[in-house]
Amino acid sequence: MLLRPLLACLLVAPMAAGADSHEPARNLVTLSASAKEDVASDLLVIQLFVEHEAREQAAAANQVNADMSWALATAKAINAVKAQTLDYRTHPVYDEQRVTGWRVHQALRLESADHGALTNLLGTLQQKLAIESVAYQISDSVRSAVTERLTAEAIKRFMARARKIADAFGRGGYTLVNVNIDSHGFTPPPMPYDGRALAMQAEVANPAIAPGQQALEVGITGTIELAAP
């Protein structure tokens, strides 16, 4: 009794395989298009740090805490500047495998689209903090607007290229099978700042900082099926 279902399966399988082998070939073409634009970096990001060393851990920590509290209060007084504290580290200082003191370190991240306000603030903060790095970024609002515009342009170019390919093959048109849209851009890494030694002085000149540009690009890759000739 068990042989009949097995025999039925063996008979159906070749028939299904034969049906698949007779499907008409599809005229598929894979192509790509892209749109690219250089965008001015509108967001300035600065990372600073304060570091103190003392024989007692509490003394070093108190000095760092006081300097950072002063820096935060000074930065938050500027509405155009966003301030955020980062890593807080405490390390022992050794002399011939003997702990002779403690070093405490804390970082502060500042960002603003108002470059003038931020550079003026830095001239004040460098009295007690040192600049670790400088970076230029594109704000989320600008990136979103540019990416939307580039996406529309890339789609337009993709469709125009697809029509040209269909015409070149003598076909009346095409059908879109699948498509992938990818947006990306190169963000330069933070640049180490060479003016760290200027920190802790009574008066420090504002650092010279000039924003650059970053390339944003939207790429489209897809497959089309050419219409019958």
C-alpha atoms as a PDB file:
ATOM      1  CA  MET A   1       0.000   0.000   0.000  1.00  0.00           C
ATOM      2  CA  LEU A   2       2.937   2.346   0.686  1.00  0.00           C
ATOM      3  CA  LEU A   3       4.307   1.870  -2.846  1.00  0.00           C
ATOM      4  CA  ARG A   4       1.417   3.706  -4.536  1.00  0.00           C
ATOM      5  CA  PRO A   5       2.056   7.196  -2.990  1.00  0.00           C
ATOM      6  CA  LEU A   6       5.801   6.795  -3.671  1.00  0.00           C
ATOM      7  CA  LEU A   7       5.149   5.842  -7.306  1.00  0.00           C
ATOM      8  CA  ALA A   8       2.836   8.830  -7.709  1.00  0.00           C
ATOM      9  CA  CYS A   9       5.554  11.177  -6.435  1.00  0.00           C
ATOM     10  CA  LEU A  10       8.104   9.741  -8.830  1.00  0.00           C
ATOM     11  CA  LEU A  11       5.732  10.283 -11.733  1.00  0.00           C
ATOM     12  CA  VAL A  12       4.898  13.891 -10.806  1.00  0.00           C
ATOM     13  CA  ALA A  13       8.492  15.034 -10.226  1.00  0.00           C
ATOM     14  CA  PRO A  14       9.720  14.522 -13.828  1.00  0.00           C
ATOM     15  CA  MET A  15       6.602  16.238 -15.153  1.00  0.00           C
ATOM     16  CA  ALA A  16       7.257  19.307 -12.969  1.00  0.00           C
ATOM     17  CA  ALA A  17      10.908  19.382 -13.978  1.00  0.00           C
ATOM     18  CA  GLY A  18       9.934  19.163 -17.602  1.00  0.00           C
ATOM     19  CA  ALA A  19       7.508  22.047 -17.216  1.00  0.00           C
ATOM     20  CA  ASP A  20      10.207  24.301 -15.687  1.00  0.00           C
ATOM     21  CA  SER A  21      12.680  23.504 -18.469  1.00  0.00           C
ATOM     22  CA  HIS A  22      10.245  24.828 -21.086  1.00  0.00           C
ATOM     23  CA  GLU A  23       9.774  28.286 -19.511  1.00  0.00           C
ATOM     24  CA  PRO A  24      10.670  31.058 -21.990  1.00  0.00           C
ATOM     25  CA  ALA A  25      14.021  32.779 -21.447  1.00  0.00           C
ATOM     26  CA  ARG A  26      13.776  36.272 -20.004  1.00  0.00           C
ATOM     27  CA  ASN A  27      15.677  39.140 -21.597  1.00  0.00           C
ATOM     28  CA  LEU A  28      17.197  40.623 -18.433  1.00  0.00           C
ATOM     29  CA  VAL A  29      19.689  43.489 -18.299  1.00  0.00           C
ATOM     30  CA  THR A  30      21.423  44.778 -15.172  1.00  0.00           C
ATOM     31  CA  LEU A  31      22.448  48.430 -15.126  1.00  0.00           C
ATOM     32  CA  SER A  32      23.342  51.233 -12.744  1.00  0.00           C
ATOM     33  CA  ALA A  33      23.235  55.011 -12.457  1.00  0.00           C
ATOM     34  CA  SER A  34      24.278  57.560  -9.837  1.00  0.00           C
ATOM     35  CA  ALA A  35      24.136  61.212  -8.829  1.00  0.00           C
ATOM     36  CA  LYS A  36      26.843  62.970  -6.816  1.00  0.00           C
ATOM     37  CA  GLU A  37      27.229  66.385  -5.210  1.00  0.00           C
ATOM     38  CA  ASP A  38      29.889  68.167  -3.153  1.00  0.00           C
ATOM     39  CA  VAL A  39      28.249  69.577  -0.035  1.00  0.00           C
ATOM     40  CA  ALA A  40      29.690  72.183   2.299  1.00  0.00           C
ATOM     41  CA  SER A  41      30.312  70.870   5.817  1.00  0.00           C
ATOM     42  CA  ASP A  42      27.955  72.996   7.878  1.00  0.00           C
ATOM     43  CA  LEU A  43      28.608  71.378  11.286  1.00  0.00           C
ATOM     44  CA  LEU A  44      31.830  71.978  13.191  1.00  0.00           C
ATOM     45  CA  VAL A  45      32.728  69.398  15.861  1.00  0.00           C
ATOM     46  CA  ILE A  46      35.513  70.020  18.370  1.00  0.00           C
ATOM     47  CA  GLN A  47      36.745  67.658  21.068  1.00  0.00           C
ATOM     48  CA  LEU A  48      38.636  69.084  24.015  1.00  0.00           C
ATOM     49  CA  PHE A  49      40.047  67.543  27.176  1.00  0.00           C
ATOM     50  CA  VAL A  50      41.209  68.480  30.644  1.00  0.00           C
ATOM     51  CA  GLU A  51      43.843  66.487  32.496  1.00  0.00           C
ATOM     52  CA  HIS A  52      45.433  66.895  35.899  1.00  0.00           C
ATOM     53  CA  GLU A  53      47.918  64.903  37.928  1.00  0.00           C
ATOM     54  CA  ALA A  54      48.362  64.914  41.712  1.00  0.00           C
ATOM     55  CA  ARG A  55      49.747  62.741  44.471  1.00  0.00           C
ATOM     56  CA  GLU A  56      46.250  62.072  45.798  1.00  0.00           C
ATOM     57  CA  GLN A  57      43.530  60.786  43.453  1.00  0.00           C
ATOM     58  CA  ALA A  58      40.903  63.032  45.011  1.00  0.00           C
ATOM     59  CA  ALA A  59      42.985  66.153  44.403  1.00  0.00           C
ATOM     60  CA  ALA A  60      43.407  65.376  40.701  1.00  0.00           C
ATOM     61  CA  ALA A  61      39.726  64.491  40.327  1.00  0.00           C
ATOM     62  CA  ASN A  62      38.583  67.663  42.088  1.00  0.00           C
ATOM     63  CA  GLN A  63      40.664  69.829  39.756  1.00  0.00           C
ATOM     64  CA  VAL A  64      39.326  68.063  36.646  1.00  0.00           C
ATOM     65  CA  ASN A  65      35.756  68.273  37.929  1.00  0.00           C
ATOM     66  CA  ALA A  66      36.091  71.980  38.652  1.00  0.00           C
ATOM     67  CA  ASP A  67      37.584  72.773  35.244  1.00  0.00           C
ATOM     68  CA  MET A  68      34.967  70.704  33.407  1.00  0.00           C
ATOM     69  CA  SER A  69      32.108  72.275  35.363  1.00  0.00           C
ATOM     70  CA  TRP A  70      33.436  75.705  34.391  1.00  0.00           C
ATOM     71  CA  ALA A  71      33.766  74.631  30.725  1.00  0.00           C
ATOM     72  CA  LEU A  72      30.221  73.215  30.613  1.00  0.00           C
ATOM     73  CA  ALA A  73      28.718  76.315  32.166  1.00  0.00           C
ATOM     74  CA  THR A  74      30.618  78.511  29.718  1.00  0.00           C
ATOM     75  CA  ALA A  75      29.570  76.416  26.714  1.00  0.00           C
ATOM     76  CA  LYS A  76      25.919  76.112  27.704  1.00  0.00           C
ATOM     77  CA  ALA A  77      25.685  79.889  27.894  1.00  0.00           C
ATOM     78  CA  ILE A  78      26.019  79.888  24.080  1.00  0.00           C
ATOM     79  CA  ASN A  79      22.686  78.743  22.622  1.00  0.00           C
ATOM     80  CA  ALA A  80      24.205  77.891  19.242  1.00  0.00           C
ATOM     81  CA  VAL A  81      26.634  75.364  20.759  1.00  0.00           C
ATOM     82  CA  LYS A  82      25.794  71.830  21.867  1.00  0.00           C
ATOM     83  CA  ALA A  83      28.048  70.433  24.611  1.00  0.00           C
ATOM     84  CA  GLN A  84      28.488  66.835  25.768  1.00  0.00           C
ATOM     85  CA  THR A  85      30.980  65.302  28.199  1.00  0.00           C
ATOM     86  CA  LEU A  86      32.712  62.114  27.089  1.00  0.00           C
ATOM     87  CA  ASP A  87      35.065  59.582  28.669  1.00  0.00           C
ATOM     88  CA  TYR A  88      36.295  60.070  32.230  1.00  0.00           C
ATOM     89  CA  ARG A  89      39.503  58.189  33.022  1.00  0.00           C
ATOM     90  CA  THR A  90      41.667  57.765  36.097  1.00  0.00           C
ATOM     91  CA  HIS A  91      45.151  56.211  35.841  1.00  0.00           C
ATOM     92  CA  PRO A  92      47.874  55.615  38.430  1.00  0.00           C
ATOM     93  CA  VAL A  93      51.277  57.202  37.842  1.00  0.00           C
ATOM     94  CA  TYR A  94      54.202  54.827  38.458  1.00  0.00           C
ATOM     95  CA  ASP A  95      57.821  55.398  39.372  1.00  0.00           C
ATOM     96  CA  GLU A  96      59.794  52.161  39.320  1.00  0.00           C
ATOM     97  CA  GLN A  97      56.656  50.062  39.823  1.00  0.00           C
ATOM     98  CA  ARG A  98      55.515  52.221  42.709  1.00  0.00           C
ATOM     99  CA  VAL A  99      52.380  54.374  42.534  1.00  0.00           C
ATOM    100  CA  THR A 100      53.487  57.968  43.040  1.00  0.00           C
ATOM    101  CA  GLY A 101      50.348  59.788  41.942  1.00  0.00           C
ATOM    102  CA  TRP A 102      47.168  59.797  39.903  1.00  0.00           C
ATOM    103  CA  ARG A 103      46.226  61.233  36.515  1.00  0.00           C
ATOM    104  CA  VAL A 104      42.587  62.117  35.781  1.00  0.00           C
ATOM    105  CA  HIS A 105      41.318  62.907  32.279  1.00  0.00           C
ATOM    106  CA  GLN A 106      37.924  63.964  30.893  1.00  0.00           C
ATOM    107  CA  ALA A 107      36.843  64.977  27.383  1.00  0.00           C
ATOM    108  CA  LEU A 108      34.274  67.471  26.137  1.00  0.00           C
ATOM    109  CA  ARG A 109      32.561  67.411  22.730  1.00  0.00           C
ATOM    110  CA  LEU A 110      31.253  70.629  21.200  1.00  0.00           C
ATOM    111  CA  GLU A 111      29.313  71.015  17.974  1.00  0.00           C
ATOM    112  CA  SER A 112      27.681  73.936  16.225  1.00  0.00           C
ATOM    113  CA  ALA A 113      26.573  75.148  12.824  1.00  0.00           C
ATOM    114  CA  ASP A 114      27.632  78.632  13.928  1.00  0.00           C
ATOM    115  CA  HIS A 115      31.370  78.348  13.331  1.00  0.00           C
ATOM    116  CA  GLY A 116      32.035  81.877  14.569  1.00  0.00           C
ATOM    117  CA  ALA A 117      30.322  81.280  17.896  1.00  0.00           C
ATOM    118  CA  LEU A 118      32.189  78.021  18.426  1.00  0.00           C
ATOM    119  CA  THR A 119      35.640  79.382  17.578  1.00  0.00           C
ATOM    120  CA  ASN A 120      35.072  82.355  19.874  1.00  0.00           C
ATOM    121  CA  LEU A 121      34.081  79.937  22.634  1.00  0.00           C
ATOM    122  CA  LEU A 122      37.243  77.910  22.074  1.00  0.00           C
ATOM    123  CA  GLY A 123      39.371  80.982  22.699  1.00  0.00           C
ATOM    124  CA  THR A 124      37.885  81.087  26.195  1.00  0.00           C
ATOM    125  CA  LEU A 125      37.852  77.350  26.940  1.00  0.00           C
ATOM    126  CA  GLN A 126      41.505  76.919  26.027  1.00  0.00           C
ATOM    127  CA  GLN A 127      42.378  78.770  29.206  1.00  0.00           C
ATOM    128  CA  LYS A 128      41.762  75.489  31.053  1.00  0.00           C
ATOM    129  CA  LEU A 129      41.126  72.825  28.390  1.00  0.00           C
ATOM    130  CA  ALA A 130      43.128  71.687  25.377  1.00  0.00           C
ATOM    131  CA  ILE A 131      41.824  70.881  21.897  1.00  0.00           C
ATOM    132  CA  GLU A 132      42.083  67.180  21.034  1.00  0.00           C
ATOM    133  CA  SER A 133      40.632  67.130  17.506  1.00  0.00           C
ATOM    134  CA  VAL A 134      38.679  69.105  14.925  1.00  0.00           C
ATOM    135  CA  ALA A 135      36.119  67.569  12.544  1.00  0.00           C
ATOM    136  CA  TYR A 136      33.724  68.845   9.917  1.00  0.00           C
ATOM    137  CA  GLN A 137      30.408  67.101   9.336  1.00  0.00           C
ATOM    138  CA  ILE A 138      27.198  67.537   7.409  1.00  0.00           C
ATOM    139  CA  SER A 139      24.175  68.077   9.623  1.00  0.00           C
ATOM    140  CA  ASP A 140      21.312  65.579   9.443  1.00  0.00           C
ATOM    141  CA  SER A 141      18.912  68.150   7.987  1.00  0.00           C
ATOM    142  CA  VAL A 142      21.272  69.115   5.160  1.00  0.00           C
ATOM    143  CA  ARG A 143      22.229  65.499   4.475  1.00  0.00           C
ATOM    144  CA  SER A 144      18.561  64.464   4.263  1.00  0.00           C
ATOM    145  CA  ALA A 145      17.653  67.285   1.856  1.00  0.00           C
ATOM    146  CA  VAL A 146      20.626  66.634  -0.425  1.00  0.00           C
ATOM    147  CA  THR A 147      20.110  62.856  -0.389  1.00  0.00           C
ATOM    148  CA  GLU A 148      16.454  63.277  -1.375  1.00  0.00           C
ATOM    149  CA  ARG A 149      17.433  65.493  -4.293  1.00  0.00           C
ATOM    150  CA  LEU A 150      20.195  63.138  -5.417  1.00  0.00           C
ATOM    151  CA  THR A 151      17.849  60.140  -5.199  1.00  0.00           C
ATOM    152  CA  ALA A 152      15.382  61.795  -7.564  1.00  0.00           C
ATOM    153  CA  GLU A 153      18.198  62.641  -9.987  1.00  0.00           C
ATOM    154  CA  ALA A 154      19.684  59.138  -9.837  1.00  0.00           C
ATOM    155  CA  ILE A 155      16.276  57.552 -10.560  1.00  0.00           C
ATOM    156  CA  LYS A 156      15.824  59.895 -13.511  1.00  0.00           C
ATOM    157  CA  ARG A 157      19.217  58.891 -14.914  1.00  0.00           C
ATOM    158  CA  PHE A 158      18.517  55.192 -14.325  1.00  0.00           C
ATOM    159  CA  MET A 159      15.234  55.349 -16.237  1.00  0.00           C
ATOM    160  CA  ALA A 160      16.815  57.315 -19.089  1.00  0.00           C
ATOM    161  CA  ARG A 161      19.585  54.750 -19.402  1.00  0.00           C
ATOM    162  CA  ALA A 162      17.103  51.884 -19.310  1.00  0.00           C
ATOM    163  CA  ARG A 163      15.133  53.455 -22.177  1.00  0.00           C
ATOM    164  CA  LYS A 164      18.299  53.893 -24.241  1.00  0.00           C
ATOM    165  CA  ILE A 165      19.249  50.255 -23.691  1.00  0.00           C
ATOM    166  CA  ALA A 166      15.773  49.080 -24.719  1.00  0.00           C
ATOM    167  CA  ASP A 167      15.925  51.266 -27.849  1.00  0.00           C
ATOM    168  CA  ALA A 168      19.422  49.992 -28.705  1.00  0.00           C
ATOM    169  CA  PHE A 169      18.131  46.408 -28.625  1.00  0.00           C
ATOM    170  CA  GLY A 170      15.192  47.363 -30.784  1.00  0.00           C
ATOM    171  CA  ARG A 171      12.630  46.757 -28.039  1.00  0.00           C
ATOM    172  CA  GLY A 172       9.502  48.788 -27.452  1.00  0.00           C
ATOM    173  CA  GLY A 173      10.125  49.212 -23.749  1.00  0.00           C
ATOM    174  CA  TYR A 174      11.094  47.445 -20.556  1.00  0.00           C
ATOM    175  CA  THR A 175       9.764  46.245 -17.207  1.00  0.00           C
ATOM    176  CA  LEU A 176      11.551  46.962 -13.952  1.00  0.00           C
ATOM    177  CA  VAL A 177      12.386  43.662 -12.219  1.00  0.00           C
ATOM    178  CA  ASN A 178      14.258  44.865  -9.140  1.00  0.00           C
ATOM    179  CA  VAL A 179      16.176  47.925  -7.955  1.00  0.00           C
ATOM    180  CA  ASN A 180      18.512  48.841  -5.101  1.00  0.00           C
ATOM    181  CA  ILE A 181      19.119  52.418  -3.948  1.00  0.00           C
ATOM    182  CA  ASP A 182      22.228  53.167  -1.902  1.00  0.00           C
ATOM    183  CA  SER A 183      23.302  56.518  -0.487  1.00  0.00           C
ATOM    184  CA  HIS A 184      26.730  57.133   0.966  1.00  0.00           C
ATOM    185  CA  GLY A 185      29.322  59.776   1.524  1.00  0.00           C
ATOM    186  CA  PHE A 186      32.852  60.143   2.824  1.00  0.00           C
ATOM    187  CA  THR A 187      33.192  61.706   6.262  1.00  0.00           C
ATOM    188  CA  PRO A 188      36.771  62.760   7.027  1.00  0.00           C
ATOM    189  CA  PRO A 189      38.065  61.489  10.376  1.00  0.00           C
ATOM    190  CA  PRO A 190      38.689  64.037  13.146  1.00  0.00           C
ATOM    191  CA  MET A 191      41.942  65.899  12.637  1.00  0.00           C
ATOM    192  CA  PRO A 192      44.352  66.019  15.591  1.00  0.00           C
ATOM    193  CA  TYR A 193      44.909  69.605  16.632  1.00  0.00           C
ATOM    194  CA  ASP A 194      48.499  70.818  16.931  1.00  0.00           C
ATOM    195  CA  GLY A 195      47.688  73.642  19.328  1.00  0.00           C
ATOM    196  CA  ARG A 196      47.260  71.579  22.505  1.00  0.00           C
ATOM    197  CA  ALA A 197      50.207  73.294  24.166  1.00  0.00           C
ATOM    198  CA  LEU A 198      48.307  76.584  24.061  1.00  0.00           C
ATOM    199  CA  ALA A 199      45.910  75.335  26.711  1.00  0.00           C
ATOM    200  CA  MET A 200      46.215  76.340  30.342  1.00  0.00           C
ATOM    201  CA  GLN A 201      47.496  79.820  29.408  1.00  0.00           C
ATOM    202  CA  ALA A 202      45.804  82.965  30.626  1.00  0.00           C
ATOM    203  CA  GLU A 203      44.878  84.150  27.147  1.00  0.00           C
ATOM    204  CA  VAL A 204      44.661  82.099  23.968  1.00  0.00           C
ATOM    205  CA  ALA A 205      43.890  83.373  20.481  1.00  0.00           C
ATOM    206  CA  ASN A 206      40.937  81.843  18.641  1.00  0.00           C
ATOM    207  CA  PRO A 207      42.067  78.907  16.464  1.00  0.00           C
ATOM    208  CA  ALA A 208      41.911  79.355  12.685  1.00  0.00           C
ATOM    209  CA  ILE A 209      39.366  76.828  11.385  1.00  0.00           C
ATOM    210  CA  ALA A 210      37.993  76.647   7.846  1.00  0.00           C
ATOM    211  CA  PRO A 211      35.245  74.160   6.849  1.00  0.00           C
ATOM    212  CA  GLY A 212      35.594  72.077   3.700  1.00  0.00           C
ATOM    213  CA  GLN A 213      33.296  70.020   1.514  1.00  0.00           C
ATOM    214  CA  GLN A 214      32.195  66.386   1.492  1.00  0.00           C
ATOM    215  CA  ALA A 215      30.893  64.328  -1.392  1.00  0.00           C
ATOM    216  CA  LEU A 216      27.443  62.758  -1.095  1.00  0.00           C
ATOM    217  CA  GLU A 217      26.364  60.173  -3.657  1.00  0.00           C
ATOM    218  CA  VAL A 218      23.277  58.100  -4.368  1.00  0.00           C
ATOM    219  CA  GLY A 219      23.714  55.012  -6.523  1.00  0.00           C
ATOM    220  CA  ILE A 220      21.031  52.859  -8.134  1.00  0.00           C
ATOM    221  CA  THR A 221      21.550  49.315  -9.386  1.00  0.00           C
ATOM    222  CA  GLY A 222      18.709  47.354 -10.899  1.00  0.00           C
ATOM    223  CA  THR A 223      17.551  44.773 -13.384  1.00  0.00           C
ATOM    224  CA  ILE A 224      15.108  45.345 -16.218  1.00  0.00           C
ATOM    225  CA  GLU A 225      13.360  42.923 -18.545  1.00  0.00           C
ATOM    226  CA  LEU A 226      13.279  44.006 -22.176  1.00  0.00           C
ATOM    227  CA  ALA A 227       9.933  43.891 -23.945  1.00  0.00           C
ATOM    228  CA  ALA A 228       9.466  41.431 -26.783  1.00  0.00           C
ATOM    229  CA  PRO A 229      10.734  42.705 -30.164  1.00  0.00           C
END
